[in-house]
Amino acid sequence: MTLAVVSVAVALVSFILYALDRRSKEKPIVWPDALKLTLFSGMITSGVMFATTSEIPVLTETVQAVSESLPSTQDMFVGTPTF
């Protein structure tokens, strides 16, 4: 629920800022540009929120699996390179 609310809020704020910018330049709003800006800002926000929230069980399982295999992976890179 918060993901949708935050995405819509950011999209709305980005549209308002775009409209204020166009108004300060005394130019009309270009609706396709406004639509693209609004949609992409909402999509980027939802992607960042999805990736950074800890409520996702698949993400916590993935992080746990990666952190368990990290020491064995680090052993491959110990020492000085010989070329």
PDB file of N, CA and C in Angstrom:
ATOM      1  N   MET A   1       0.823  -1.194   0.000  1.00  0.00           N
ATOM      2  CA  MET A   1       0.000   0.000   0.000  1.00  0.00           C
ATOM      3  C   MET A   1       0.862   1.252   0.000  1.00  0.00           C
ATOM      4  N   THR A   2       1.890   1.271   0.844  1.00  0.00           N
ATOM      5  CA  THR A   2       2.738   2.460   0.893  1.00  0.00           C
ATOM      6  C   THR A   2       3.508   2.656  -0.402  1.00  0.00           C
ATOM      7  N   LEU A   3       3.805   1.556  -1.081  1.00  0.00           N
ATOM      8  CA  LEU A   3       4.506   1.652  -2.359  1.00  0.00           C
ATOM      9  C   LEU A   3       3.688   2.449  -3.362  1.00  0.00           C
ATOM     10  N   ALA A   4       2.410   2.153  -3.451  1.00  0.00           N
ATOM     11  CA  ALA A   4       1.540   2.866  -4.386  1.00  0.00           C
ATOM     12  C   ALA A   4       1.350   4.317  -3.974  1.00  0.00           C
ATOM     13  N   VAL A   5       1.187   4.561  -2.703  1.00  0.00           N
ATOM     14  CA  VAL A   5       0.959   5.931  -2.221  1.00  0.00           C
ATOM     15  C   VAL A   5       2.182   6.800  -2.482  1.00  0.00           C
ATOM     16  N   VAL A   6       3.357   6.277  -2.176  1.00  0.00           N
ATOM     17  CA  VAL A   6       4.582   7.054  -2.391  1.00  0.00           C
ATOM     18  C   VAL A   6       4.816   7.283  -3.872  1.00  0.00           C
ATOM     19  N   SER A   7       4.578   6.290  -4.709  1.00  0.00           N
ATOM     20  CA  SER A   7       4.771   6.449  -6.150  1.00  0.00           C
ATOM     21  C   SER A   7       3.839   7.503  -6.728  1.00  0.00           C
ATOM     22  N   VAL A   8       2.586   7.472  -6.321  1.00  0.00           N
ATOM     23  CA  VAL A   8       1.626   8.465  -6.810  1.00  0.00           C
ATOM     24  C   VAL A   8       1.980   9.856  -6.298  1.00  0.00           C
ATOM     25  N   ALA A   9       2.423   9.938  -5.051  1.00  0.00           N
ATOM     26  CA  ALA A   9       2.799  11.242  -4.489  1.00  0.00           C
ATOM     27  C   ALA A   9       3.992  11.841  -5.234  1.00  0.00           C
ATOM     28  N   VAL A  10       4.994  11.033  -5.518  1.00  0.00           N
ATOM     29  CA  VAL A  10       6.160  11.532  -6.257  1.00  0.00           C
ATOM     30  C   VAL A  10       5.774  11.922  -7.680  1.00  0.00           C
ATOM     31  N   ALA A  11       4.921  11.142  -8.318  1.00  0.00           N
ATOM     32  CA  ALA A  11       4.464  11.480  -9.660  1.00  0.00           C
ATOM     33  C   ALA A  11       3.701  12.798  -9.661  1.00  0.00           C
ATOM     34  N   LEU A  12       2.860  12.994  -8.673  1.00  0.00           N
ATOM     35  CA  LEU A  12       2.096  14.239  -8.573  1.00  0.00           C
ATOM     36  C   LEU A  12       3.017  15.434  -8.330  1.00  0.00           C
ATOM     37  N   VAL A  13       3.975  15.273  -7.453  1.00  0.00           N
ATOM     38  CA  VAL A  13       4.917  16.361  -7.186  1.00  0.00           C
ATOM     39  C   VAL A  13       5.747  16.678  -8.427  1.00  0.00           C
ATOM     40  N   SER A  14       6.159  15.658  -9.156  1.00  0.00           N
ATOM     41  CA  SER A  14       6.942  15.920 -10.363  1.00  0.00           C
ATOM     42  C   SER A  14       6.114  16.645 -11.416  1.00  0.00           C
ATOM     43  N   PHE A  15       4.829  16.311 -11.526  1.00  0.00           N
ATOM     44  CA  PHE A  15       3.977  17.028 -12.469  1.00  0.00           C
ATOM     45  C   PHE A  15       3.794  18.481 -12.044  1.00  0.00           C
ATOM     46  N   ILE A  16       3.599  18.704 -10.756  1.00  0.00           N
ATOM     47  CA  ILE A  16       3.424  20.075 -10.265  1.00  0.00           C
ATOM     48  C   ILE A  16       4.687  20.894 -10.511  1.00  0.00           C
ATOM     49  N   LEU A  17       5.848  20.308 -10.244  1.00  0.00           N
ATOM     50  CA  LEU A  17       7.098  21.022 -10.494  1.00  0.00           C
ATOM     51  C   LEU A  17       7.293  21.313 -11.977  1.00  0.00           C
ATOM     52  N   TYR A  18       6.925  20.369 -12.831  1.00  0.00           N
ATOM     53  CA  TYR A  18       7.016  20.592 -14.268  1.00  0.00           C
ATOM     54  C   TYR A  18       6.086  21.721 -14.699  1.00  0.00           C
ATOM     55  N   ALA A  19       4.862  21.706 -14.185  1.00  0.00           N
ATOM     56  CA  ALA A  19       3.908  22.754 -14.545  1.00  0.00           C
ATOM     57  C   ALA A  19       4.378  24.124 -14.055  1.00  0.00           C
ATOM     58  N   LEU A  20       4.923  24.180 -12.849  1.00  0.00           N
ATOM     59  CA  LEU A  20       5.437  25.449 -12.342  1.00  0.00           C
ATOM     60  C   LEU A  20       6.640  25.930 -13.149  1.00  0.00           C
ATOM     61  N   ASP A  21       7.481  25.019 -13.575  1.00  0.00           N
ATOM     62  CA  ASP A  21       8.620  25.392 -14.408  1.00  0.00           C
ATOM     63  C   ASP A  21       8.164  25.959 -15.744  1.00  0.00           C
ATOM     64  N   ARG A  22       7.209  25.296 -16.369  1.00  0.00           N
ATOM     65  CA  ARG A  22       6.700  25.793 -17.660  1.00  0.00           C
ATOM     66  C   ARG A  22       5.989  27.131 -17.483  1.00  0.00           C
ATOM     67  N   ARG A  23       5.288  27.281 -16.374  1.00  0.00           N
ATOM     68  CA  ARG A  23       4.580  28.534 -16.112  1.00  0.00           C
ATOM     69  C   ARG A  23       5.553  29.679 -15.870  1.00  0.00           C
ATOM     70  N   SER A  24       6.665  29.408 -15.181  1.00  0.00           N
ATOM     71  CA  SER A  24       7.644  30.461 -14.923  1.00  0.00           C
ATOM     72  C   SER A  24       8.352  30.899 -16.199  1.00  0.00           C
ATOM     73  N   LYS A  25       8.427  30.017 -17.171  1.00  0.00           N
ATOM     74  CA  LYS A  25       9.023  30.360 -18.464  1.00  0.00           C
ATOM     75  C   LYS A  25       7.993  30.917 -19.438  1.00  0.00           C
ATOM     76  N   GLU A  26       6.741  30.992 -18.981  1.00  0.00           N
ATOM     77  CA  GLU A  26       5.615  31.480 -19.783  1.00  0.00           C
ATOM     78  C   GLU A  26       5.457  30.680 -21.071  1.00  0.00           C
ATOM     79  N   LYS A  27       5.587  29.365 -20.933  1.00  0.00           N
ATOM     80  CA  LYS A  27       5.398  28.446 -22.052  1.00  0.00           C
ATOM     81  C   LYS A  27       4.262  27.501 -21.696  1.00  0.00           C
ATOM     82  N   PRO A  28       3.573  26.978 -22.696  1.00  0.00           N
ATOM     83  CA  PRO A  28       2.480  26.041 -22.387  1.00  0.00           C
ATOM     84  C   PRO A  28       3.031  24.679 -21.963  1.00  0.00           C
ATOM     85  N   ILE A  29       2.192  23.940 -21.262  1.00  0.00           N
ATOM     86  CA  ILE A  29       2.564  22.584 -20.848  1.00  0.00           C
ATOM     87  C   ILE A  29       2.515  21.673 -22.068  1.00  0.00           C
ATOM     88  N   VAL A  30       3.593  20.961 -22.292  1.00  0.00           N
ATOM     89  CA  VAL A  30       3.632  19.965 -23.368  1.00  0.00           C
ATOM     90  C   VAL A  30       3.164  18.659 -22.739  1.00  0.00           C
ATOM     91  N   TRP A  31       1.945  18.272 -23.065  1.00  0.00           N
ATOM     92  CA  TRP A  31       1.310  17.148 -22.373  1.00  0.00           C
ATOM     93  C   TRP A  31       2.018  15.814 -22.546  1.00  0.00           C
ATOM     94  N   PRO A  32       2.544  15.483 -23.742  1.00  0.00           N
ATOM     95  CA  PRO A  32       3.289  14.205 -23.817  1.00  0.00           C
ATOM     96  C   PRO A  32       4.525  14.198 -22.914  1.00  0.00           C
ATOM     97  N   ASP A  33       5.215  15.336 -22.839  1.00  0.00           N
ATOM     98  CA  ASP A  33       6.379  15.411 -21.946  1.00  0.00           C
ATOM     99  C   ASP A  33       5.955  15.316 -20.486  1.00  0.00           C
ATOM    100  N   ALA A  34       4.878  15.974 -20.143  1.00  0.00           N
ATOM    101  CA  ALA A  34       4.386  15.921 -18.761  1.00  0.00           C
ATOM    102  C   ALA A  34       3.976  14.495 -18.393  1.00  0.00           C
ATOM    103  N   LEU A  35       3.335  13.810 -19.318  1.00  0.00           N
ATOM    104  CA  LEU A  35       2.921  12.426 -19.066  1.00  0.00           C
ATOM    105  C   LEU A  35       4.130  11.513 -18.878  1.00  0.00           C
ATOM    106  N   LYS A  36       5.136  11.653 -19.753  1.00  0.00           N
ATOM    107  CA  LYS A  36       6.338  10.836 -19.627  1.00  0.00           C
ATOM    108  C   LYS A  36       7.060  11.109 -18.310  1.00  0.00           C
ATOM    109  N   LEU A  37       7.200  12.373 -17.974  1.00  0.00           N
ATOM    110  CA  LEU A  37       7.883  12.742 -16.734  1.00  0.00           C
ATOM    111  C   LEU A  37       7.147  12.189 -15.518  1.00  0.00           C
ATOM    112  N   THR A  38       5.836  12.315 -15.520  1.00  0.00           N
ATOM    113  CA  THR A  38       5.036  11.842 -14.399  1.00  0.00           C
ATOM    114  C   THR A  38       5.098  10.321 -14.269  1.00  0.00           C
ATOM    115  N   LEU A  39       4.919   9.621 -15.376  1.00  0.00           N
ATOM    116  CA  LEU A  39       4.937   8.158 -15.338  1.00  0.00           C
ATOM    117  C   LEU A  39       6.298   7.604 -14.936  1.00  0.00           C
ATOM    118  N   PHE A  40       7.355   8.127 -15.545  1.00  0.00           N
ATOM    119  CA  PHE A  40       8.684   7.600 -15.247  1.00  0.00           C
ATOM    120  C   PHE A  40       9.129   7.934 -13.830  1.00  0.00           C
ATOM    121  N   SER A  41       8.750   9.090 -13.318  1.00  0.00           N
ATOM    122  CA  SER A  41       9.125   9.405 -11.938  1.00  0.00           C
ATOM    123  C   SER A  41       8.411   8.464 -10.964  1.00  0.00           C
ATOM    124  N   GLY A  42       7.156   8.152 -11.244  1.00  0.00           N
ATOM    125  CA  GLY A  42       6.433   7.197 -10.407  1.00  0.00           C
ATOM    126  C   GLY A  42       7.001   5.794 -10.517  1.00  0.00           C
ATOM    127  N   MET A  43       7.372   5.391 -11.726  1.00  0.00           N
ATOM    128  CA  MET A  43       7.927   4.049 -11.920  1.00  0.00           C
ATOM    129  C   MET A  43       9.294   3.907 -11.263  1.00  0.00           C
ATOM    130  N   ILE A  44      10.130   4.922 -11.390  1.00  0.00           N
ATOM    131  CA  ILE A  44      11.450   4.865 -10.764  1.00  0.00           C
ATOM    132  C   ILE A  44      11.313   4.826  -9.250  1.00  0.00           C
ATOM    133  N   THR A  45      10.393   5.626  -8.721  1.00  0.00           N
ATOM    134  CA  THR A  45      10.173   5.631  -7.279  1.00  0.00           C
ATOM    135  C   THR A  45       9.687   4.270  -6.795  1.00  0.00           C
ATOM    136  N   SER A  46       8.749   3.675  -7.521  1.00  0.00           N
ATOM    137  CA  SER A  46       8.252   2.364  -7.098  1.00  0.00           C
ATOM    138  C   SER A  46       9.346   1.305  -7.183  1.00  0.00           C
ATOM    139  N   GLY A  47      10.210   1.389  -8.176  1.00  0.00           N
ATOM    140  CA  GLY A  47      11.321   0.443  -8.281  1.00  0.00           C
ATOM    141  C   GLY A  47      12.307   0.579  -7.135  1.00  0.00           C
ATOM    142  N   VAL A  48      12.633   1.814  -6.785  1.00  0.00           N
ATOM    143  CA  VAL A  48      13.557   2.043  -5.670  1.00  0.00           C
ATOM    144  C   VAL A  48      12.923   1.604  -4.358  1.00  0.00           C
ATOM    145  N   MET A  49      11.656   1.931  -4.173  1.00  0.00           N
ATOM    146  CA  MET A  49      10.971   1.512  -2.943  1.00  0.00           C
ATOM    147  C   MET A  49      10.893  -0.016  -2.856  1.00  0.00           C
ATOM    148  N   PHE A  50      10.607  -0.664  -3.958  1.00  0.00           N
ATOM    149  CA  PHE A  50      10.516  -2.124  -3.967  1.00  0.00           C
ATOM    150  C   PHE A  50      11.853  -2.759  -3.631  1.00  0.00           C
ATOM    151  N   ALA A  51      12.925  -2.181  -4.176  1.00  0.00           N
ATOM    152  CA  ALA A  51      14.249  -2.760  -3.958  1.00  0.00           C
ATOM    153  C   ALA A  51      14.789  -2.501  -2.563  1.00  0.00           C
ATOM    154  N   THR A  52      14.358  -1.437  -1.918  1.00  0.00           N
ATOM    155  CA  THR A  52      14.946  -1.078  -0.631  1.00  0.00           C
ATOM    156  C   THR A  52      14.105  -1.468   0.573  1.00  0.00           C
ATOM    157  N   THR A  53      12.877  -1.893   0.379  1.00  0.00           N
ATOM    158  CA  THR A  53      12.074  -2.295   1.534  1.00  0.00           C
ATOM    159  C   THR A  53      12.464  -3.701   1.963  1.00  0.00           C
ATOM    160  N   SER A  54      12.366  -3.968   3.249  1.00  0.00           N
ATOM    161  CA  SER A  54      12.750  -5.279   3.764  1.00  0.00           C
ATOM    162  C   SER A  54      11.552  -6.199   3.943  1.00  0.00           C
ATOM    163  N   GLU A  55      10.402  -5.813   3.453  1.00  0.00           N
ATOM    164  CA  GLU A  55       9.198  -6.627   3.610  1.00  0.00           C
ATOM    165  C   GLU A  55       9.100  -7.745   2.587  1.00  0.00           C
ATOM    166  N   ILE A  56      10.059  -7.833   1.694  1.00  0.00           N
ATOM    167  CA  ILE A  56      10.014  -8.794   0.608  1.00  0.00           C
ATOM    168  C   ILE A  56      10.743 -10.070   1.045  1.00  0.00           C
ATOM    169  N   PRO A  57      10.042 -11.191   1.211  1.00  0.00           N
ATOM    170  CA  PRO A  57      10.713 -12.406   1.698  1.00  0.00           C
ATOM    171  C   PRO A  57      11.734 -12.961   0.704  1.00  0.00           C
ATOM    172  N   VAL A  58      11.489 -12.815  -0.583  1.00  0.00           N
ATOM    173  CA  VAL A  58      12.424 -13.331  -1.582  1.00  0.00           C
ATOM    174  C   VAL A  58      13.743 -12.568  -1.498  1.00  0.00           C
ATOM    175  N   LEU A  59      13.652 -11.264  -1.266  1.00  0.00           N
ATOM    176  CA  LEU A  59      14.861 -10.450  -1.182  1.00  0.00           C
ATOM    177  C   LEU A  59      15.691 -10.814   0.037  1.00  0.00           C
ATOM    178  N   THR A  60      15.052 -11.033   1.168  1.00  0.00           N
ATOM    179  CA  THR A  60      15.813 -11.392   2.373  1.00  0.00           C
ATOM    180  C   THR A  60      16.450 -12.772   2.227  1.00  0.00           C
ATOM    181  N   GLU A  61      15.760 -13.695   1.569  1.00  0.00           N
ATOM    182  CA  GLU A  61      16.346 -15.018   1.329  1.00  0.00           C
ATOM    183  C   GLU A  61      17.545 -14.915   0.391  1.00  0.00           C
ATOM    184  N   THR A  62      17.435 -14.063  -0.609  1.00  0.00           N
ATOM    185  CA  THR A  62      18.531 -13.895  -1.561  1.00  0.00           C
ATOM    186  C   THR A  62      19.741 -13.271  -0.889  1.00  0.00           C
ATOM    187  N   VAL A  63      19.514 -12.251  -0.083  1.00  0.00           N
ATOM    188  CA  VAL A  63      20.619 -11.606   0.634  1.00  0.00           C
ATOM    189  C   VAL A  63      21.280 -12.591   1.589  1.00  0.00           C
ATOM    190  N   GLN A  64      20.493 -13.405   2.249  1.00  0.00           N
ATOM    191  CA  GLN A  64      21.052 -14.390   3.168  1.00  0.00           C
ATOM    192  C   GLN A  64      21.892 -15.425   2.417  1.00  0.00           C
ATOM    193  N   ALA A  65      21.413 -15.877   1.268  1.00  0.00           N
ATOM    194  CA  ALA A  65      22.167 -16.865   0.488  1.00  0.00           C
ATOM    195  C   ALA A  65      23.473 -16.280  -0.036  1.00  0.00           C
ATOM    196  N   VAL A  66      23.439 -15.052  -0.467  1.00  0.00           N
ATOM    197  CA  VAL A  66      24.647 -14.410  -0.981  1.00  0.00           C
ATOM    198  C   VAL A  66      25.648 -14.174   0.147  1.00  0.00           C
ATOM    199  N   SER A  67      25.163 -13.723   1.298  1.00  0.00           N
ATOM    200  CA  SER A  67      26.080 -13.460   2.412  1.00  0.00           C
ATOM    201  C   SER A  67      26.718 -14.739   2.935  1.00  0.00           C
ATOM    202  N   GLU A  68      26.031 -15.880   2.827  1.00  0.00           N
ATOM    203  CA  GLU A  68      26.618 -17.148   3.254  1.00  0.00           C
ATOM    204  C   GLU A  68      27.717 -17.608   2.302  1.00  0.00           C
ATOM    205  N   SER A  69      27.576 -17.321   1.019  1.00  0.00           N
ATOM    206  CA  SER A  69      28.571 -17.766   0.049  1.00  0.00           C
ATOM    207  C   SER A  69      29.695 -16.756  -0.131  1.00  0.00           C
ATOM    208  N   LEU A  70      29.632 -15.622   0.516  1.00  0.00           N
ATOM    209  CA  LEU A  70      30.635 -14.577   0.341  1.00  0.00           C
ATOM    210  C   LEU A  70      32.028 -14.986   0.808  1.00  0.00           C
ATOM    211  N   PRO A  71      32.207 -15.614   1.980  1.00  0.00           N
ATOM    212  CA  PRO A  71      33.575 -15.983   2.387  1.00  0.00           C
ATOM    213  C   PRO A  71      34.269 -16.919   1.399  1.00  0.00           C
ATOM    214  N   SER A  72      33.550 -17.885   0.850  1.00  0.00           N
ATOM    215  CA  SER A  72      34.187 -18.790  -0.106  1.00  0.00           C
ATOM    216  C   SER A  72      34.534 -18.073  -1.401  1.00  0.00           C
ATOM    217  N   THR A  73      33.757 -17.077  -1.754  1.00  0.00           N
ATOM    218  CA  THR A  73      34.055 -16.300  -2.951  1.00  0.00           C
ATOM    219  C   THR A  73      35.264 -15.409  -2.716  1.00  0.00           C
ATOM    220  N   GLN A  74      35.398 -14.864  -1.528  1.00  0.00           N
ATOM    221  CA  GLN A  74      36.527 -13.993  -1.218  1.00  0.00           C
ATOM    222  C   GLN A  74      37.847 -14.759  -1.250  1.00  0.00           C
ATOM    223  N   ASP A  75      37.824 -16.056  -0.968  1.00  0.00           N
ATOM    224  CA  ASP A  75      39.053 -16.843  -0.983  1.00  0.00           C
ATOM    225  C   ASP A  75      39.684 -16.893  -2.371  1.00  0.00           C
ATOM    226  N   MET A  76      38.897 -16.732  -3.401  1.00  0.00           N
ATOM    227  CA  MET A  76      39.433 -16.758  -4.756  1.00  0.00           C
ATOM    228  C   MET A  76      40.293 -15.537  -5.045  1.00  0.00           C
ATOM    229  N   PHE A  77      40.085 -14.440  -4.333  1.00  0.00           N
ATOM    230  CA  PHE A  77      40.749 -13.195  -4.654  1.00  0.00           C
ATOM    231  C   PHE A  77      41.813 -12.801  -3.636  1.00  0.00           C
ATOM    232  N   VAL A  78      42.296 -13.762  -2.863  1.00  0.00           N
ATOM    233  CA  VAL A  78      43.334 -13.492  -1.873  1.00  0.00           C
ATOM    234  C   VAL A  78      44.698 -13.676  -2.538  1.00  0.00           C
ATOM    235  N   GLY A  79      45.621 -12.789  -2.251  1.00  0.00           N
ATOM    236  CA  GLY A  79      46.968 -12.904  -2.797  1.00  0.00           C
ATOM    237  C   GLY A  79      47.253 -11.799  -3.791  1.00  0.00           C
ATOM    238  N   THR A  80      48.443 -11.822  -4.330  1.00  0.00           N
ATOM    239  CA  THR A  80      48.834 -10.818  -5.313  1.00  0.00           C
ATOM    240  C   THR A  80      48.743 -11.419  -6.698  1.00  0.00           C
ATOM    241  N   PRO A  81      48.307 -10.634  -7.643  1.00  0.00           N
ATOM    242  CA  PRO A  81      48.182 -11.160  -9.000  1.00  0.00           C
ATOM    243  C   PRO A  81      49.561 -11.356  -9.635  1.00  0.00           C
ATOM    244  N   THR A  82      49.698 -12.411 -10.404  1.00  0.00           N
ATOM    245  CA  THR A  82      50.930 -12.659 -11.142  1.00  0.00           C
ATOM    246  C   THR A  82      50.603 -12.671 -12.617  1.00  0.00           C
ATOM    247  N   PHE A  83      51.223 -11.736 -13.309  1.00  0.00           N
ATOM    248  CA  PHE A  83      50.962 -11.634 -14.753  1.00  0.00           C
ATOM    249  C   PHE A  83      52.209 -11.987 -15.520  1.00  0.00           C
TER     250      PHE A  83
END
